[in-house]
Amino acid sequence: MSRYFLHLREGADVALDPGGIECASVEQLRQAVLWNARDVIAGDALSGTIHLNCRIVAEGQSGAVVHTLSFADAVDIIR
């Protein structure tokens, strides 16, 4: 299992993930990133404002970016 850090970015601002998560594969990591993005979006929805300009950047222990997901790509907006 590899450890990945899921940092939340909004423009130049970043909230660093100090603990990270362990995933057995990149596909498992992608699913974890999607779930985390949707979880943050759900919390935002409860407060009344959803920030679709945020993204999660998943980095390996070496600091290399392995996967990035923007919140706008994490959900489908139907009007």
C-alpha atoms as a PDB file:
ATOM      1  CA  MET A   1       0.000   0.000   0.000  1.00  0.00           C
ATOM      2  CA  SER A   2       1.216   3.466  -0.840  1.00  0.00           C
ATOM      3  CA  ARG A   3       0.522   6.656   1.128  1.00  0.00           C
ATOM      4  CA  TYR A   4      -0.941   9.655  -0.657  1.00  0.00           C
ATOM      5  CA  PHE A   5      -1.650  13.155   0.610  1.00  0.00           C
ATOM      6  CA  LEU A   6      -4.871  14.827  -0.549  1.00  0.00           C
ATOM      7  CA  HIS A   7      -4.249  18.570  -0.537  1.00  0.00           C
ATOM      8  CA  LEU A   8      -7.196  20.924  -1.033  1.00  0.00           C
ATOM      9  CA  ARG A   9      -6.419  23.879  -3.279  1.00  0.00           C
ATOM     10  CA  GLU A  10      -8.443  26.992  -4.081  1.00  0.00           C
ATOM     11  CA  GLY A  11      -6.466  29.339  -6.289  1.00  0.00           C
ATOM     12  CA  ALA A  12      -3.207  30.079  -4.464  1.00  0.00           C
ATOM     13  CA  ASP A  13      -4.587  28.866  -1.115  1.00  0.00           C
ATOM     14  CA  VAL A  14      -3.870  25.328   0.014  1.00  0.00           C
ATOM     15  CA  ALA A  15      -4.972  23.170   2.942  1.00  0.00           C
ATOM     16  CA  LEU A  16      -2.313  20.500   3.370  1.00  0.00           C
ATOM     17  CA  ASP A  17      -3.220  16.940   4.324  1.00  0.00           C
ATOM     18  CA  PRO A  18      -0.766  16.054   7.109  1.00  0.00           C
ATOM     19  CA  GLY A  19      -1.741  12.387   7.525  1.00  0.00           C
ATOM     20  CA  GLY A  20      -2.590  11.151   4.072  1.00  0.00           C
ATOM     21  CA  ILE A  21      -4.355   7.929   3.158  1.00  0.00           C
ATOM     22  CA  GLU A  22      -3.151   4.518   2.084  1.00  0.00           C
ATOM     23  CA  CYS A  23      -4.338   3.054  -1.217  1.00  0.00           C
ATOM     24  CA  ALA A  24      -3.534  -0.241  -2.891  1.00  0.00           C
ATOM     25  CA  SER A  25      -3.790   1.173  -6.424  1.00  0.00           C
ATOM     26  CA  VAL A  26      -4.086   4.396  -8.382  1.00  0.00           C
ATOM     27  CA  GLU A  27      -7.702   3.468  -9.167  1.00  0.00           C
ATOM     28  CA  GLN A  28      -8.449   3.193  -5.450  1.00  0.00           C
ATOM     29  CA  LEU A  29      -6.769   6.584  -4.994  1.00  0.00           C
ATOM     30  CA  ARG A  30      -8.921   8.119  -7.737  1.00  0.00           C
ATOM     31  CA  GLN A  31     -12.071   6.825  -6.034  1.00  0.00           C
ATOM     32  CA  ALA A  32     -10.906   8.194  -2.668  1.00  0.00           C
ATOM     33  CA  VAL A  33     -10.207  11.616  -4.199  1.00  0.00           C
ATOM     34  CA  LEU A  34     -13.662  11.652  -5.830  1.00  0.00           C
ATOM     35  CA  TRP A  35     -15.348  10.657  -2.559  1.00  0.00           C
ATOM     36  CA  ASN A  36     -13.425  13.332  -0.624  1.00  0.00           C
ATOM     37  CA  ALA A  37     -14.284  16.047  -3.155  1.00  0.00           C
ATOM     38  CA  ARG A  38     -17.971  15.125  -3.026  1.00  0.00           C
ATOM     39  CA  ASP A  39     -17.849  15.054   0.778  1.00  0.00           C
ATOM     40  CA  VAL A  40     -16.473  18.621   0.888  1.00  0.00           C
ATOM     41  CA  ILE A  41     -19.045  19.728  -1.698  1.00  0.00           C
ATOM     42  CA  ALA A  42     -21.839  18.203   0.415  1.00  0.00           C
ATOM     43  CA  GLY A  43     -20.640  20.152   3.444  1.00  0.00           C
ATOM     44  CA  ASP A  44     -20.498  23.314   1.362  1.00  0.00           C
ATOM     45  CA  ALA A  45     -24.058  22.709   0.151  1.00  0.00           C
ATOM     46  CA  LEU A  46     -25.271  22.583   3.749  1.00  0.00           C
ATOM     47  CA  SER A  47     -23.767  26.025   4.341  1.00  0.00           C
ATOM     48  CA  GLY A  48     -25.392  27.344   1.159  1.00  0.00           C
ATOM     49  CA  THR A  49     -22.291  28.021  -0.965  1.00  0.00           C
ATOM     50  CA  ILE A  50     -20.503  25.469  -3.144  1.00  0.00           C
ATOM     51  CA  HIS A  51     -16.969  26.317  -4.273  1.00  0.00           C
ATOM     52  CA  LEU A  52     -16.548  24.567  -7.636  1.00  0.00           C
ATOM     53  CA  ASN A  53     -13.217  26.356  -8.200  1.00  0.00           C
ATOM     54  CA  CYS A  54     -11.485  24.074  -5.654  1.00  0.00           C
ATOM     55  CA  ARG A  55      -9.523  20.951  -6.478  1.00  0.00           C
ATOM     56  CA  ILE A  56      -7.848  18.077  -4.695  1.00  0.00           C
ATOM     57  CA  VAL A  57      -4.246  17.362  -5.605  1.00  0.00           C
ATOM     58  CA  ALA A  58      -3.066  13.889  -4.588  1.00  0.00           C
ATOM     59  CA  GLU A  59       0.670  13.615  -4.028  1.00  0.00           C
ATOM     60  CA  GLY A  60       2.752  10.545  -3.294  1.00  0.00           C
ATOM     61  CA  GLN A  61       5.241  10.445  -0.432  1.00  0.00           C
ATOM     62  CA  SER A  62       7.931  11.856  -2.738  1.00  0.00           C
ATOM     63  CA  GLY A  63       5.779  14.936  -3.398  1.00  0.00           C
ATOM     64  CA  ALA A  64       5.025  13.958  -7.008  1.00  0.00           C
ATOM     65  CA  VAL A  65       1.484  14.745  -8.142  1.00  0.00           C
ATOM     66  CA  VAL A  66      -0.298  11.477  -8.915  1.00  0.00           C
ATOM     67  CA  HIS A  67      -3.859  12.708  -9.517  1.00  0.00           C
ATOM     68  CA  THR A  68      -5.801  15.975  -9.569  1.00  0.00           C
ATOM     69  CA  LEU A  69      -9.569  16.450  -9.516  1.00  0.00           C
ATOM     70  CA  SER A  70     -11.401  19.771  -9.735  1.00  0.00           C
ATOM     71  CA  PHE A  71     -14.660  20.015  -7.832  1.00  0.00           C
ATOM     72  CA  ALA A  72     -16.405  21.035 -11.047  1.00  0.00           C
ATOM     73  CA  ASP A  73     -15.451  17.637 -12.501  1.00  0.00           C
ATOM     74  CA  ALA A  74     -16.578  15.747  -9.384  1.00  0.00           C
ATOM     75  CA  VAL A  75     -20.293  16.379  -9.880  1.00  0.00           C
ATOM     76  CA  ASP A  76     -22.831  16.891 -12.634  1.00  0.00           C
ATOM     77  CA  ILE A  77     -24.795  20.136 -12.357  1.00  0.00           C
ATOM     78  CA  ILE A  78     -28.345  19.860 -13.689  1.00  0.00           C
ATOM     79  CA  ARG A  79     -30.462  23.004 -13.942  1.00  0.00           C
END
